[in-house]
Amino acid sequence: MWKLVHAGFDILCEQRDMEPDATFRGLFEQYMGASAGKKGRLHRSAREAAGFSENELNYLEGTGE
């Protein structure tokens, strides 16, 4: 199910001419706070299966921008 949700996010970003990674970071910070969730390792394989990009995963782990 989450892969479908994530695909929908990418489609909406494309339709609205928005860059998905920057939009993800902006929404995450707006609704979760700038440092929320950046606590190290995630269940990466589950998030990859859900369609999260490498950049999104790195951001959530605190290793990316």
PDB file of N, CA and C in Angstrom:
ATOM      1  N   MET A   1       0.808  -1.195   0.000  1.00  0.00           N
ATOM      2  CA  MET A   1       0.000   0.000   0.000  1.00  0.00           C
ATOM      3  C   MET A   1       0.854   1.264   0.000  1.00  0.00           C
ATOM      4  N   TRP A   2       1.920   1.283   0.821  1.00  0.00           N
ATOM      5  CA  TRP A   2       2.733   2.498   0.924  1.00  0.00           C
ATOM      6  C   TRP A   2       3.434   2.824  -0.380  1.00  0.00           C
ATOM      7  N   LYS A   3       3.774   1.781  -1.147  1.00  0.00           N
ATOM      8  CA  LYS A   3       4.415   2.039  -2.430  1.00  0.00           C
ATOM      9  C   LYS A   3       3.459   2.812  -3.342  1.00  0.00           C
ATOM     10  N   LEU A   4       2.184   2.487  -3.289  1.00  0.00           N
ATOM     11  CA  LEU A   4       1.167   3.191  -4.064  1.00  0.00           C
ATOM     12  C   LEU A   4       1.045   4.642  -3.597  1.00  0.00           C
ATOM     13  N   VAL A   5       1.053   4.848  -2.288  1.00  0.00           N
ATOM     14  CA  VAL A   5       0.981   6.206  -1.734  1.00  0.00           C
ATOM     15  C   VAL A   5       2.183   7.012  -2.181  1.00  0.00           C
ATOM     16  N   HIS A   6       3.352   6.406  -2.104  1.00  0.00           N
ATOM     17  CA  HIS A   6       4.574   7.117  -2.496  1.00  0.00           C
ATOM     18  C   HIS A   6       4.567   7.426  -3.985  1.00  0.00           C
ATOM     19  N   ALA A   7       4.085   6.492  -4.793  1.00  0.00           N
ATOM     20  CA  ALA A   7       3.982   6.735  -6.234  1.00  0.00           C
ATOM     21  C   ALA A   7       3.035   7.900  -6.508  1.00  0.00           C
ATOM     22  N   GLY A   8       1.946   7.972  -5.749  1.00  0.00           N
ATOM     23  CA  GLY A   8       1.015   9.086  -5.887  1.00  0.00           C
ATOM     24  C   GLY A   8       1.665  10.414  -5.551  1.00  0.00           C
ATOM     25  N   PHE A   9       2.525  10.411  -4.529  1.00  0.00           N
ATOM     26  CA  PHE A   9       3.267  11.620  -4.153  1.00  0.00           C
ATOM     27  C   PHE A   9       4.146  12.075  -5.315  1.00  0.00           C
ATOM     28  N   ASP A  10       4.860  11.131  -5.917  1.00  0.00           N
ATOM     29  CA  ASP A  10       5.717  11.473  -7.054  1.00  0.00           C
ATOM     30  C   ASP A  10       4.910  12.011  -8.230  1.00  0.00           C
ATOM     31  N   ILE A  11       3.758  11.414  -8.492  1.00  0.00           N
ATOM     32  CA  ILE A  11       2.902  11.873  -9.593  1.00  0.00           C
ATOM     33  C   ILE A  11       2.400  13.295  -9.327  1.00  0.00           C
ATOM     34  N   LEU A  12       1.947  13.552  -8.105  1.00  0.00           N
ATOM     35  CA  LEU A  12       1.482  14.907  -7.766  1.00  0.00           C
ATOM     36  C   LEU A  12       2.600  15.931  -7.906  1.00  0.00           C
ATOM     37  N   CYS A  13       3.794  15.565  -7.453  1.00  0.00           N
ATOM     38  CA  CYS A  13       4.921  16.492  -7.587  1.00  0.00           C
ATOM     39  C   CYS A  13       5.193  16.796  -9.057  1.00  0.00           C
ATOM     40  N   GLU A  14       5.158  15.762  -9.883  1.00  0.00           N
ATOM     41  CA  GLU A  14       5.401  15.966 -11.310  1.00  0.00           C
ATOM     42  C   GLU A  14       4.321  16.857 -11.928  1.00  0.00           C
ATOM     43  N   GLN A  15       3.064  16.602 -11.597  1.00  0.00           N
ATOM     44  CA  GLN A  15       1.960  17.390 -12.143  1.00  0.00           C
ATOM     45  C   GLN A  15       2.044  18.853 -11.725  1.00  0.00           C
ATOM     46  N   ARG A  16       2.571  19.093 -10.542  1.00  0.00           N
ATOM     47  CA  ARG A  16       2.637  20.464 -10.007  1.00  0.00           C
ATOM     48  C   ARG A  16       4.009  21.099 -10.192  1.00  0.00           C
ATOM     49  N   ASP A  17       4.858  20.426 -10.975  1.00  0.00           N
ATOM     50  CA  ASP A  17       6.208  20.913 -11.269  1.00  0.00           C
ATOM     51  C   ASP A  17       6.994  21.189  -9.976  1.00  0.00           C
ATOM     52  N   MET A  18       6.927  20.229  -9.068  1.00  0.00           N
ATOM     53  CA  MET A  18       7.636  20.326  -7.791  1.00  0.00           C
ATOM     54  C   MET A  18       8.706  19.238  -7.741  1.00  0.00           C
ATOM     55  N   GLU A  19       9.846  19.554  -7.174  1.00  0.00           N
ATOM     56  CA  GLU A  19      10.929  18.588  -7.037  1.00  0.00           C
ATOM     57  C   GLU A  19      10.606  17.677  -5.849  1.00  0.00           C
ATOM     58  N   PRO A  20      10.486  16.352  -6.059  1.00  0.00           N
ATOM     59  CA  PRO A  20      10.027  15.453  -4.996  1.00  0.00           C
ATOM     60  C   PRO A  20      10.885  15.462  -3.722  1.00  0.00           C
ATOM     61  N   ASP A  21      12.210  15.434  -3.852  1.00  0.00           N
ATOM     62  CA  ASP A  21      13.053  15.387  -2.655  1.00  0.00           C
ATOM     63  C   ASP A  21      12.913  16.652  -1.817  1.00  0.00           C
ATOM     64  N   ALA A  22      12.948  17.794  -2.458  1.00  0.00           N
ATOM     65  CA  ALA A  22      12.812  19.057  -1.729  1.00  0.00           C
ATOM     66  C   ALA A  22      11.421  19.177  -1.111  1.00  0.00           C
ATOM     67  N   THR A  23      10.409  18.717  -1.827  1.00  0.00           N
ATOM     68  CA  THR A  23       9.038  18.758  -1.312  1.00  0.00           C
ATOM     69  C   THR A  23       8.897  17.836  -0.100  1.00  0.00           C
ATOM     70  N   PHE A  24       9.473  16.638  -0.180  1.00  0.00           N
ATOM     71  CA  PHE A  24       9.445  15.698   0.942  1.00  0.00           C
ATOM     72  C   PHE A  24      10.100  16.324   2.175  1.00  0.00           C
ATOM     73  N   ARG A  25      11.288  16.887   1.997  1.00  0.00           N
ATOM     74  CA  ARG A  25      11.990  17.509   3.130  1.00  0.00           C
ATOM     75  C   ARG A  25      11.179  18.657   3.710  1.00  0.00           C
ATOM     76  N   GLY A  26      10.631  19.495   2.851  1.00  0.00           N
ATOM     77  CA  GLY A  26       9.842  20.632   3.322  1.00  0.00           C
ATOM     78  C   GLY A  26       8.608  20.211   4.102  1.00  0.00           C
ATOM     79  N   LEU A  27       7.885  19.229   3.591  1.00  0.00           N
ATOM     80  CA  LEU A  27       6.693  18.736   4.290  1.00  0.00           C
ATOM     81  C   LEU A  27       7.063  18.045   5.597  1.00  0.00           C
ATOM     82  N   PHE A  28       8.136  17.269   5.567  1.00  0.00           N
ATOM     83  CA  PHE A  28       8.582  16.585   6.785  1.00  0.00           C
ATOM     84  C   PHE A  28       8.909  17.599   7.875  1.00  0.00           C
ATOM     85  N   GLU A  29       9.672  18.620   7.509  1.00  0.00           N
ATOM     86  CA  GLU A  29      10.056  19.636   8.498  1.00  0.00           C
ATOM     87  C   GLU A  29       8.853  20.449   8.963  1.00  0.00           C
ATOM     88  N   GLN A  30       7.934  20.738   8.059  1.00  0.00           N
ATOM     89  CA  GLN A  30       6.744  21.509   8.415  1.00  0.00           C
ATOM     90  C   GLN A  30       5.867  20.759   9.411  1.00  0.00           C
ATOM     91  N   TYR A  31       5.672  19.472   9.184  1.00  0.00           N
ATOM     92  CA  TYR A  31       4.735  18.718  10.011  1.00  0.00           C
ATOM     93  C   TYR A  31       5.383  17.903  11.136  1.00  0.00           C
ATOM     94  N   MET A  32       6.673  17.604  11.004  1.00  0.00           N
ATOM     95  CA  MET A  32       7.332  16.771  12.011  1.00  0.00           C
ATOM     96  C   MET A  32       8.416  17.517  12.785  1.00  0.00           C
ATOM     97  N   GLY A  33       8.785  18.713  12.343  1.00  0.00           N
ATOM     98  CA  GLY A  33       9.871  19.435  12.976  1.00  0.00           C
ATOM     99  C   GLY A  33      11.174  19.123  12.264  1.00  0.00           C
ATOM    100  N   ALA A  34      12.099  20.046  12.318  1.00  0.00           N
ATOM    101  CA  ALA A  34      13.338  19.944  11.551  1.00  0.00           C
ATOM    102  C   ALA A  34      14.178  18.723  11.917  1.00  0.00           C
ATOM    103  N   SER A  35      14.149  18.281  13.155  1.00  0.00           N
ATOM    104  CA  SER A  35      15.015  17.167  13.539  1.00  0.00           C
ATOM    105  C   SER A  35      14.254  15.883  13.872  1.00  0.00           C
ATOM    106  N   ALA A  36      12.945  15.902  13.766  1.00  0.00           N
ATOM    107  CA  ALA A  36      12.147  14.714  14.102  1.00  0.00           C
ATOM    108  C   ALA A  36      12.506  13.554  13.187  1.00  0.00           C
ATOM    109  N   GLY A  37      12.673  12.396  13.768  1.00  0.00           N
ATOM    110  CA  GLY A  37      12.923  11.195  12.984  1.00  0.00           C
ATOM    111  C   GLY A  37      14.356  10.988  12.576  1.00  0.00           C
ATOM    112  N   LYS A  38      15.201  11.987  12.694  1.00  0.00           N
ATOM    113  CA  LYS A  38      16.596  11.838  12.281  1.00  0.00           C
ATOM    114  C   LYS A  38      17.388  11.226  13.433  1.00  0.00           C
ATOM    115  N   LYS A  39      17.205   9.940  13.615  1.00  0.00           N
ATOM    116  CA  LYS A  39      17.792   9.284  14.782  1.00  0.00           C
ATOM    117  C   LYS A  39      18.690   8.125  14.401  1.00  0.00           C
ATOM    118  N   GLY A  40      19.172   8.087  13.205  1.00  0.00           N
ATOM    119  CA  GLY A  40      20.052   6.984  12.829  1.00  0.00           C
ATOM    120  C   GLY A  40      19.360   5.988  11.926  1.00  0.00           C
ATOM    121  N   ARG A  41      19.773   4.744  12.052  1.00  0.00           N
ATOM    122  CA  ARG A  41      19.326   3.694  11.146  1.00  0.00           C
ATOM    123  C   ARG A  41      17.816   3.453  11.194  1.00  0.00           C
ATOM    124  N   LEU A  42      17.279   3.178  10.016  1.00  0.00           N
ATOM    125  CA  LEU A  42      15.864   2.852   9.847  1.00  0.00           C
ATOM    126  C   LEU A  42      15.736   1.401   9.411  1.00  0.00           C
ATOM    127  N   HIS A  43      14.544   0.915   9.366  1.00  0.00           N
ATOM    128  CA  HIS A  43      14.281  -0.382   8.732  1.00  0.00           C
ATOM    129  C   HIS A  43      14.286  -0.088   7.232  1.00  0.00           C
ATOM    130  N   ARG A  44      15.495   0.056   6.714  1.00  0.00           N
ATOM    131  CA  ARG A  44      15.702   0.572   5.367  1.00  0.00           C
ATOM    132  C   ARG A  44      15.021  -0.288   4.292  1.00  0.00           C
ATOM    133  N   SER A  45      15.134  -1.593   4.398  1.00  0.00           N
ATOM    134  CA  SER A  45      14.563  -2.449   3.346  1.00  0.00           C
ATOM    135  C   SER A  45      13.043  -2.293   3.270  1.00  0.00           C
ATOM    136  N   ALA A  46      12.387  -2.093   4.402  1.00  0.00           N
ATOM    137  CA  ALA A  46      10.935  -1.886   4.387  1.00  0.00           C
ATOM    138  C   ALA A  46      10.589  -0.553   3.738  1.00  0.00           C
ATOM    139  N   ARG A  47      11.375   0.460   4.014  1.00  0.00           N
ATOM    140  CA  ARG A  47      11.102   1.770   3.404  1.00  0.00           C
ATOM    141  C   ARG A  47      11.423   1.772   1.922  1.00  0.00           C
ATOM    142  N   GLU A  48      12.465   1.031   1.535  1.00  0.00           N
ATOM    143  CA  GLU A  48      12.769   0.895   0.104  1.00  0.00           C
ATOM    144  C   GLU A  48      11.622   0.181  -0.607  1.00  0.00           C
ATOM    145  N   ALA A  49      11.089  -0.858   0.021  1.00  0.00           N
ATOM    146  CA  ALA A  49       9.956  -1.591  -0.560  1.00  0.00           C
ATOM    147  C   ALA A  49       8.732  -0.698  -0.690  1.00  0.00           C
ATOM    148  N   ALA A  50       8.622   0.298   0.185  1.00  0.00           N
ATOM    149  CA  ALA A  50       7.501   1.234   0.138  1.00  0.00           C
ATOM    150  C   ALA A  50       7.713   2.326  -0.898  1.00  0.00           C
ATOM    151  N   GLY A  51       8.914   2.372  -1.494  1.00  0.00           N
ATOM    152  CA  GLY A  51       9.157   3.328  -2.566  1.00  0.00           C
ATOM    153  C   GLY A  51       9.927   4.573  -2.176  1.00  0.00           C
ATOM    154  N   PHE A  52      10.447   4.634  -0.941  1.00  0.00           N
ATOM    155  CA  PHE A  52      11.242   5.796  -0.551  1.00  0.00           C
ATOM    156  C   PHE A  52      12.512   5.848  -1.393  1.00  0.00           C
ATOM    157  N   SER A  53      12.897   7.038  -1.804  1.00  0.00           N
ATOM    158  CA  SER A  53      14.120   7.192  -2.588  1.00  0.00           C
ATOM    159  C   SER A  53      15.339   7.141  -1.679  1.00  0.00           C
ATOM    160  N   GLU A  54      16.490   6.945  -2.279  1.00  0.00           N
ATOM    161  CA  GLU A  54      17.750   6.934  -1.536  1.00  0.00           C
ATOM    162  C   GLU A  54      17.953   8.268  -0.820  1.00  0.00           C
ATOM    163  N   ASN A  55      17.645   9.362  -1.497  1.00  0.00           N
ATOM    164  CA  ASN A  55      17.790  10.695  -0.890  1.00  0.00           C
ATOM    165  C   ASN A  55      16.865  10.862   0.315  1.00  0.00           C
ATOM    166  N   GLU A  56      15.625  10.385   0.208  1.00  0.00           N
ATOM    167  CA  GLU A  56      14.680  10.487   1.324  1.00  0.00           C
ATOM    168  C   GLU A  56      15.155   9.677   2.524  1.00  0.00           C
ATOM    169  N   LEU A  57      15.640   8.468   2.260  1.00  0.00           N
ATOM    170  CA  LEU A  57      16.131   7.627   3.348  1.00  0.00           C
ATOM    171  C   LEU A  57      17.348   8.243   4.028  1.00  0.00           C
ATOM    172  N   ASN A  58      18.266   8.770   3.229  1.00  0.00           N
ATOM    173  CA  ASN A  58      19.448   9.426   3.804  1.00  0.00           C
ATOM    174  C   ASN A  58      19.032  10.630   4.652  1.00  0.00           C
ATOM    175  N   TYR A  59      18.067  11.382   4.182  1.00  0.00           N
ATOM    176  CA  TYR A  59      17.576  12.534   4.941  1.00  0.00           C
ATOM    177  C   TYR A  59      16.995  12.088   6.277  1.00  0.00           C
ATOM    178  N   LEU A  60      16.160  11.052   6.252  1.00  0.00           N
ATOM    179  CA  LEU A  60      15.537  10.559   7.479  1.00  0.00           C
ATOM    180  C   LEU A  60      16.570  10.025   8.475  1.00  0.00           C
ATOM    181  N   GLU A  61      17.640   9.454   7.953  1.00  0.00           N
ATOM    182  CA  GLU A  61      18.688   8.931   8.831  1.00  0.00           C
ATOM    183  C   GLU A  61      19.645  10.021   9.302  1.00  0.00           C
ATOM    184  N   GLY A  62      19.500  11.212   8.735  1.00  0.00           N
ATOM    185  CA  GLY A  62      20.371  12.303   9.134  1.00  0.00           C
ATOM    186  C   GLY A  62      21.700  12.322   8.424  1.00  0.00           C
ATOM    187  N   THR A  63      21.805  11.556   7.324  1.00  0.00           N
ATOM    188  CA  THR A  63      23.070  11.497   6.587  1.00  0.00           C
ATOM    189  C   THR A  63      23.005  12.245   5.263  1.00  0.00           C
ATOM    190  N   GLY A  64      21.858  12.798   4.940  1.00  0.00           N
ATOM    191  CA  GLY A  64      21.695  13.537   3.687  1.00  0.00           C
ATOM    192  C   GLY A  64      21.079  14.877   3.927  1.00  0.00           C
ATOM    193  N   GLU A  65      20.980  15.633   2.862  1.00  0.00           N
ATOM    194  CA  GLU A  65      20.392  16.981   2.974  1.00  0.00           C
ATOM    195  C   GLU A  65      18.892  16.928   2.876  1.00  0.00           C
TER     196      GLU A  65
END
